[in-house]
PDB file of all heavy atoms in Angstrom:
ATOM      1  N   VAL A   1      53.145  73.234 221.937  1.00  0.00           N
ATOM      2  CA  VAL A   1      51.934  73.793 221.350  1.00  0.00           C
ATOM      3  C   VAL A   1      50.982  72.696 220.908  1.00  0.00           C
ATOM      4  O   VAL A   1      49.794  72.707 221.238  1.00  0.00           O
ATOM      5  CB  VAL A   1      52.273  74.716 220.163  1.00  0.00           C
ATOM      6  CG1 VAL A   1      50.994  75.236 219.507  1.00  0.00           C
ATOM      7  CG2 VAL A   1      53.153  75.871 220.621  1.00  0.00           C
ATOM      8  N   ALA A   2      51.493  71.750 220.132  1.00  0.00           N
ATOM      9  CA  ALA A   2      50.651  70.702 219.592  1.00  0.00           C
ATOM     10  C   ALA A   2      51.518  69.535 219.168  1.00  0.00           C
ATOM     11  O   ALA A   2      52.692  69.700 218.834  1.00  0.00           O
ATOM     12  CB  ALA A   2      49.820  71.204 218.407  1.00  0.00           C
ATOM     13  N   ILE A   3      50.917  68.358 219.160  1.00  0.00           N
ATOM     14  CA  ILE A   3      51.631  67.145 218.816  1.00  0.00           C
ATOM     15  C   ILE A   3      50.735  66.259 217.963  1.00  0.00           C
ATOM     16  O   ILE A   3      49.511  66.239 218.136  1.00  0.00           O
ATOM     17  CB  ILE A   3      52.102  66.390 220.078  1.00  0.00           C
ATOM     18  CG1 ILE A   3      52.956  65.182 219.718  1.00  0.00           C
ATOM     19  CG2 ILE A   3      50.915  65.979 220.939  1.00  0.00           C
ATOM     20  CD1 ILE A   3      53.612  64.524 220.918  1.00  0.00           C
ATOM     21  N   SER A   4      51.364  65.546 217.041  1.00  0.00           N
ATOM     22  CA  SER A   4      50.662  64.605 216.189  1.00  0.00           C
ATOM     23  C   SER A   4      51.353  63.251 216.274  1.00  0.00           C
ATOM     24  O   SER A   4      52.543  63.138 215.976  1.00  0.00           O
ATOM     25  CB  SER A   4      50.630  65.081 214.741  1.00  0.00           C
ATOM     26  OG  SER A   4      50.080  64.093 213.883  1.00  0.00           O
ATOM     27  N   ILE A   5      50.608  62.238 216.672  1.00  0.00           N
ATOM     28  CA  ILE A   5      51.096  60.872 216.730  1.00  0.00           C
ATOM     29  C   ILE A   5      50.193  60.027 215.850  1.00  0.00           C
ATOM     30  O   ILE A   5      49.034  59.794 216.189  1.00  0.00           O
ATOM     31  CB  ILE A   5      51.111  60.324 218.165  1.00  0.00           C
ATOM     32  CG1 ILE A   5      51.931  61.243 219.074  1.00  0.00           C
ATOM     33  CG2 ILE A   5      51.661  58.907 218.195  1.00  0.00           C
ATOM     34  CD1 ILE A   5      51.881  60.850 220.529  1.00  0.00           C
ATOM     35  N   SER A   6      50.721  59.596 214.718  1.00  0.00           N
ATOM     36  CA  SER A   6      49.933  58.873 213.720  1.00  0.00           C
ATOM     37  C   SER A   6      48.721  59.724 213.341  1.00  0.00           C
ATOM     38  O   SER A   6      48.879  60.834 212.845  1.00  0.00           O
ATOM     39  CB  SER A   6      49.533  57.492 214.245  1.00  0.00           C
ATOM     40  OG  SER A   6      50.668  56.679 214.468  1.00  0.00           O
ATOM     41  N   ASN A   7      47.522  59.206 213.583  1.00  0.00           N
ATOM     42  CA  ASN A   7      46.303  59.940 213.269  1.00  0.00           C
ATOM     43  C   ASN A   7      45.704  60.660 214.469  1.00  0.00           C
ATOM     44  O   ASN A   7      44.606  61.220 214.365  1.00  0.00           O
ATOM     45  CB  ASN A   7      45.260  58.997 212.675  1.00  0.00           C
ATOM     46  CG  ASN A   7      45.677  58.454 211.333  1.00  0.00           C
ATOM     47  OD1 ASN A   7      46.236  59.171 210.512  1.00  0.00           O
ATOM     48  ND2 ASN A   7      45.407  57.173 211.103  1.00  0.00           N
ATOM     49  N   SER A   8      46.417  60.655 215.565  1.00  0.00           N
ATOM     50  CA  SER A   8      45.948  61.310 216.775  1.00  0.00           C
ATOM     51  C   SER A   8      46.664  62.641 216.957  1.00  0.00           C
ATOM     52  O   SER A   8      47.855  62.766 216.681  1.00  0.00           O
ATOM     53  CB  SER A   8      46.183  60.411 217.984  1.00  0.00           C
ATOM     54  OG  SER A   8      45.752  61.041 219.179  1.00  0.00           O
ATOM     55  N   THR A   9      45.930  63.640 217.421  1.00  0.00           N
ATOM     56  CA  THR A   9      46.501  64.965 217.651  1.00  0.00           C
ATOM     57  C   THR A   9      46.106  65.478 219.022  1.00  0.00           C
ATOM     58  O   THR A   9      45.111  65.055 219.607  1.00  0.00           O
ATOM     59  CB  THR A   9      46.042  65.976 216.589  1.00  0.00           C
ATOM     60  OG1 THR A   9      44.616  66.101 216.637  1.00  0.00           O
ATOM     61  CG2 THR A   9      46.466  65.525 215.203  1.00  0.00           C
ATOM     62  N   ASN A  10      46.895  66.419 219.523  1.00  0.00           N
ATOM     63  CA  ASN A  10      46.628  67.027 220.807  1.00  0.00           C
ATOM     64  C   ASN A  10      47.126  68.466 220.790  1.00  0.00           C
ATOM     65  O   ASN A  10      48.231  68.727 220.315  1.00  0.00           O
ATOM     66  CB  ASN A  10      47.293  66.244 221.932  1.00  0.00           C
ATOM     67  CG  ASN A  10      46.853  66.713 223.298  1.00  0.00           C
ATOM     68  OD1 ASN A  10      45.704  67.115 223.493  1.00  0.00           O
ATOM     69  ND2 ASN A  10      47.761  66.655 224.262  1.00  0.00           N
ATOM     70  N   ASP A  11      46.312  69.372 221.288  1.00  0.00           N
ATOM     71  CA  ASP A  11      46.648  70.790 221.337  1.00  0.00           C
ATOM     72  C   ASP A  11      46.761  71.250 222.777  1.00  0.00           C
ATOM     73  O   ASP A  11      46.063  70.761 223.665  1.00  0.00           O
ATOM     74  CB  ASP A  11      45.591  71.631 220.624  1.00  0.00           C
ATOM     75  CG  ASP A  11      45.377  71.239 219.186  1.00  0.00           C
ATOM     76  OD1 ASP A  11      46.364  70.875 218.512  1.00  0.00           O
ATOM     77  OD2 ASP A  11      44.224  71.301 218.722  1.00  0.00           O
ATOM     78  N   ALA A  12      47.640  72.215 223.001  1.00  0.00           N
ATOM     79  CA  ALA A  12      47.744  72.822 224.313  1.00  0.00           C
ATOM     80  C   ALA A  12      46.496  73.640 224.614  1.00  0.00           C
ATOM     81  O   ALA A  12      45.837  74.163 223.714  1.00  0.00           O
ATOM     82  CB  ALA A  12      48.985  73.694 224.397  1.00  0.00           C
ATOM     83  N   ASP A  13      46.185  73.776 225.902  1.00  0.00           N
ATOM     84  CA  ASP A  13      44.989  74.513 226.292  1.00  0.00           C
ATOM     85  C   ASP A  13      45.034  75.974 225.839  1.00  0.00           C
ATOM     86  O   ASP A  13      43.995  76.563 225.533  1.00  0.00           O
ATOM     87  CB  ASP A  13      44.803  74.454 227.806  1.00  0.00           C
ATOM     88  CG  ASP A  13      44.416  73.071 228.293  1.00  0.00           C
ATOM     89  OD1 ASP A  13      43.908  72.271 227.484  1.00  0.00           O
ATOM     90  OD2 ASP A  13      44.616  72.792 229.492  1.00  0.00           O
ATOM     91  N   SER A  14      46.226  76.554 225.786  1.00  0.00           N
ATOM     92  CA  SER A  14      46.357  77.956 225.431  1.00  0.00           C
ATOM     93  C   SER A  14      45.993  78.252 223.983  1.00  0.00           C
ATOM     94  O   SER A  14      45.727  79.406 223.645  1.00  0.00           O
ATOM     95  CB  SER A  14      47.780  78.438 225.715  1.00  0.00           C
ATOM     96  OG  SER A  14      48.726  77.704 224.964  1.00  0.00           O
ATOM     97  N   VAL A  15      45.980  77.236 223.126  1.00  0.00           N
ATOM     98  CA  VAL A  15      45.672  77.440 221.714  1.00  0.00           C
ATOM     99  C   VAL A  15      44.436  76.676 221.279  1.00  0.00           C
ATOM    100  O   VAL A  15      44.071  76.709 220.099  1.00  0.00           O
ATOM    101  CB  VAL A  15      46.861  77.040 220.821  1.00  0.00           C
ATOM    102  CG1 VAL A  15      48.108  77.819 221.218  1.00  0.00           C
ATOM    103  CG2 VAL A  15      47.123  75.544 220.888  1.00  0.00           C
ATOM    104  N   LYS A  16      43.787  76.001 222.214  1.00  0.00           N
ATOM    105  CA  LYS A  16      42.615  75.184 221.895  1.00  0.00           C
ATOM    106  C   LYS A  16      41.542  76.027 221.222  1.00  0.00           C
ATOM    107  O   LYS A  16      41.193  77.108 221.680  1.00  0.00           O
ATOM    108  CB  LYS A  16      42.065  74.556 223.167  1.00  0.00           C
ATOM    109  CG  LYS A  16      41.237  73.303 222.939  1.00  0.00           C
ATOM    110  CD  LYS A  16      42.132  72.082 222.957  1.00  0.00           C
ATOM    111  CE  LYS A  16      41.339  70.783 222.924  1.00  0.00           C
ATOM    112  NZ  LYS A  16      42.247  69.605 222.962  1.00  0.00           N
ATOM    113  N   GLY A  17      41.008  75.507 220.116  1.00  0.00           N
ATOM    114  CA  GLY A  17      39.975  76.212 219.382  1.00  0.00           C
ATOM    115  C   GLY A  17      40.492  77.210 218.369  1.00  0.00           C
ATOM    116  O   GLY A  17      39.702  77.709 217.558  1.00  0.00           O
ATOM    117  N   ARG A  18      41.770  77.528 218.402  1.00  0.00           N
ATOM    118  CA  ARG A  18      42.350  78.482 217.466  1.00  0.00           C
ATOM    119  C   ARG A  18      43.384  77.847 216.543  1.00  0.00           C
ATOM    120  O   ARG A  18      43.467  78.202 215.374  1.00  0.00           O
ATOM    121  CB  ARG A  18      43.003  79.650 218.214  1.00  0.00           C
ATOM    122  CG  ARG A  18      42.036  80.455 219.068  1.00  0.00           C
ATOM    123  CD  ARG A  18      42.702  81.709 219.621  1.00  0.00           C
ATOM    124  NE  ARG A  18      43.825  81.381 220.509  1.00  0.00           N
ATOM    125  CZ  ARG A  18      45.093  81.720 220.284  1.00  0.00           C
ATOM    126  NH1 ARG A  18      45.408  82.419 219.196  1.00  0.00           N
ATOM    127  NH2 ARG A  18      46.041  81.392 221.150  1.00  0.00           N
ATOM    128  N   PHE A  19      44.180  76.938 217.080  1.00  0.00           N
ATOM    129  CA  PHE A  19      45.231  76.289 216.303  1.00  0.00           C
ATOM    130  C   PHE A  19      44.815  74.862 215.972  1.00  0.00           C
ATOM    131  O   PHE A  19      44.163  74.186 216.779  1.00  0.00           O
ATOM    132  CB  PHE A  19      46.550  76.240 217.076  1.00  0.00           C
ATOM    133  CG  PHE A  19      47.215  77.574 217.285  1.00  0.00           C
ATOM    134  CD1 PHE A  19      46.581  78.762 216.967  1.00  0.00           C
ATOM    135  CD2 PHE A  19      48.495  77.623 217.805  1.00  0.00           C
ATOM    136  CE1 PHE A  19      47.196  79.985 217.166  1.00  0.00           C
ATOM    137  CE2 PHE A  19      49.130  78.836 218.011  1.00  0.00           C
ATOM    138  CZ  PHE A  19      48.484  80.016 217.690  1.00  0.00           C
ATOM    139  N   THR A  20      45.223  74.403 214.800  1.00  0.00           N
ATOM    140  CA  THR A  20      44.950  73.047 214.371  1.00  0.00           C
ATOM    141  C   THR A  20      46.217  72.434 213.796  1.00  0.00           C
ATOM    142  O   THR A  20      46.814  72.995 212.877  1.00  0.00           O
ATOM    143  CB  THR A  20      43.835  73.001 213.317  1.00  0.00           C
ATOM    144  OG1 THR A  20      42.644  73.594 213.845  1.00  0.00           O
ATOM    145  CG2 THR A  20      43.537  71.554 212.924  1.00  0.00           C
ATOM    146  N   ILE A  21      46.610  71.294 214.334  1.00  0.00           N
ATOM    147  CA  ILE A  21      47.761  70.583 213.808  1.00  0.00           C
ATOM    148  C   ILE A  21      47.271  69.491 212.866  1.00  0.00           C
ATOM    149  O   ILE A  21      46.252  68.840 213.121  1.00  0.00           O
ATOM    150  CB  ILE A  21      48.632  69.999 214.932  1.00  0.00           C
ATOM    151  CG1 ILE A  21      49.936  69.419 214.366  1.00  0.00           C
ATOM    152  CG2 ILE A  21      47.881  68.949 215.742  1.00  0.00           C
ATOM    153  CD1 ILE A  21      50.946  69.024 215.439  1.00  0.00           C
ATOM    154  N   SER A  22      47.981  69.297 211.780  1.00  0.00           N
ATOM    155  CA  SER A  22      47.667  68.245 210.832  1.00  0.00           C
ATOM    156  C   SER A  22      48.968  67.685 210.275  1.00  0.00           C
ATOM    157  O   SER A  22      50.045  68.273 210.449  1.00  0.00           O
ATOM    158  CB  SER A  22      46.756  68.748 209.705  1.00  0.00           C
ATOM    159  OG  SER A  22      47.377  69.799 208.979  1.00  0.00           O
ATOM    160  N   ARG A  23      48.859  66.563 209.582  1.00  0.00           N
ATOM    161  CA  ARG A  23      50.053  65.844 209.175  1.00  0.00           C
ATOM    162  C   ARG A  23      49.804  65.124 207.866  1.00  0.00           C
ATOM    163  O   ARG A  23      48.745  64.521 207.664  1.00  0.00           O
ATOM    164  CB  ARG A  23      50.440  64.859 210.282  1.00  0.00           C
ATOM    165  CG  ARG A  23      51.676  64.039 210.042  1.00  0.00           C
ATOM    166  CD  ARG A  23      52.005  63.302 211.332  1.00  0.00           C
ATOM    167  NE  ARG A  23      52.993  62.258 211.156  1.00  0.00           N
ATOM    168  CZ  ARG A  23      53.452  61.499 212.133  1.00  0.00           C
ATOM    169  NH1 ARG A  23      53.009  61.675 213.374  1.00  0.00           N
ATOM    170  NH2 ARG A  23      54.355  60.557 211.882  1.00  0.00           N
ATOM    171  N   ASP A  24      50.793  65.176 206.994  1.00  0.00           N
ATOM    172  CA  ASP A  24      50.778  64.450 205.738  1.00  0.00           C
ATOM    173  C   ASP A  24      51.919  63.442 205.806  1.00  0.00           C
ATOM    174  O   ASP A  24      53.084  63.787 205.590  1.00  0.00           O
ATOM    175  CB  ASP A  24      50.945  65.393 204.549  1.00  0.00           C
ATOM    176  CG  ASP A  24      50.761  64.692 203.220  1.00  0.00           C
ATOM    177  OD1 ASP A  24      50.951  63.463 203.142  1.00  0.00           O
ATOM    178  OD2 ASP A  24      50.419  65.380 202.230  1.00  0.00           O
ATOM    179  N   ASN A  25      51.592  62.208 206.111  1.00  0.00           N
ATOM    180  CA  ASN A  25      52.623  61.193 206.301  1.00  0.00           C
ATOM    181  C   ASN A  25      53.384  60.892 205.013  1.00  0.00           C
ATOM    182  O   ASN A  25      54.578  60.578 205.051  1.00  0.00           O
ATOM    183  CB  ASN A  25      52.002  59.912 206.850  1.00  0.00           C
ATOM    184  CG  ASN A  25      51.524  60.063 208.279  1.00  0.00           C
ATOM    185  OD1 ASN A  25      52.136  60.763 209.085  1.00  0.00           O
ATOM    186  ND2 ASN A  25      50.420  59.407 208.611  1.00  0.00           N
ATOM    187  N   ALA A  26      52.713  60.971 203.869  1.00  0.00           N
ATOM    188  CA  ALA A  26      53.371  60.706 202.599  1.00  0.00           C
ATOM    189  C   ALA A  26      54.460  61.726 202.308  1.00  0.00           C
ATOM    190  O   ALA A  26      55.438  61.422 201.621  1.00  0.00           O
ATOM    191  CB  ALA A  26      52.352  60.681 201.467  1.00  0.00           C
TER     192      ALA A  26
END
């Protein structure tokens, strides 16, 4: 569905514009 690498993110085309991945490294 989605992946987060450090400060970079990527979403699958099927969820683009609807889903948002985020990350709290702390």
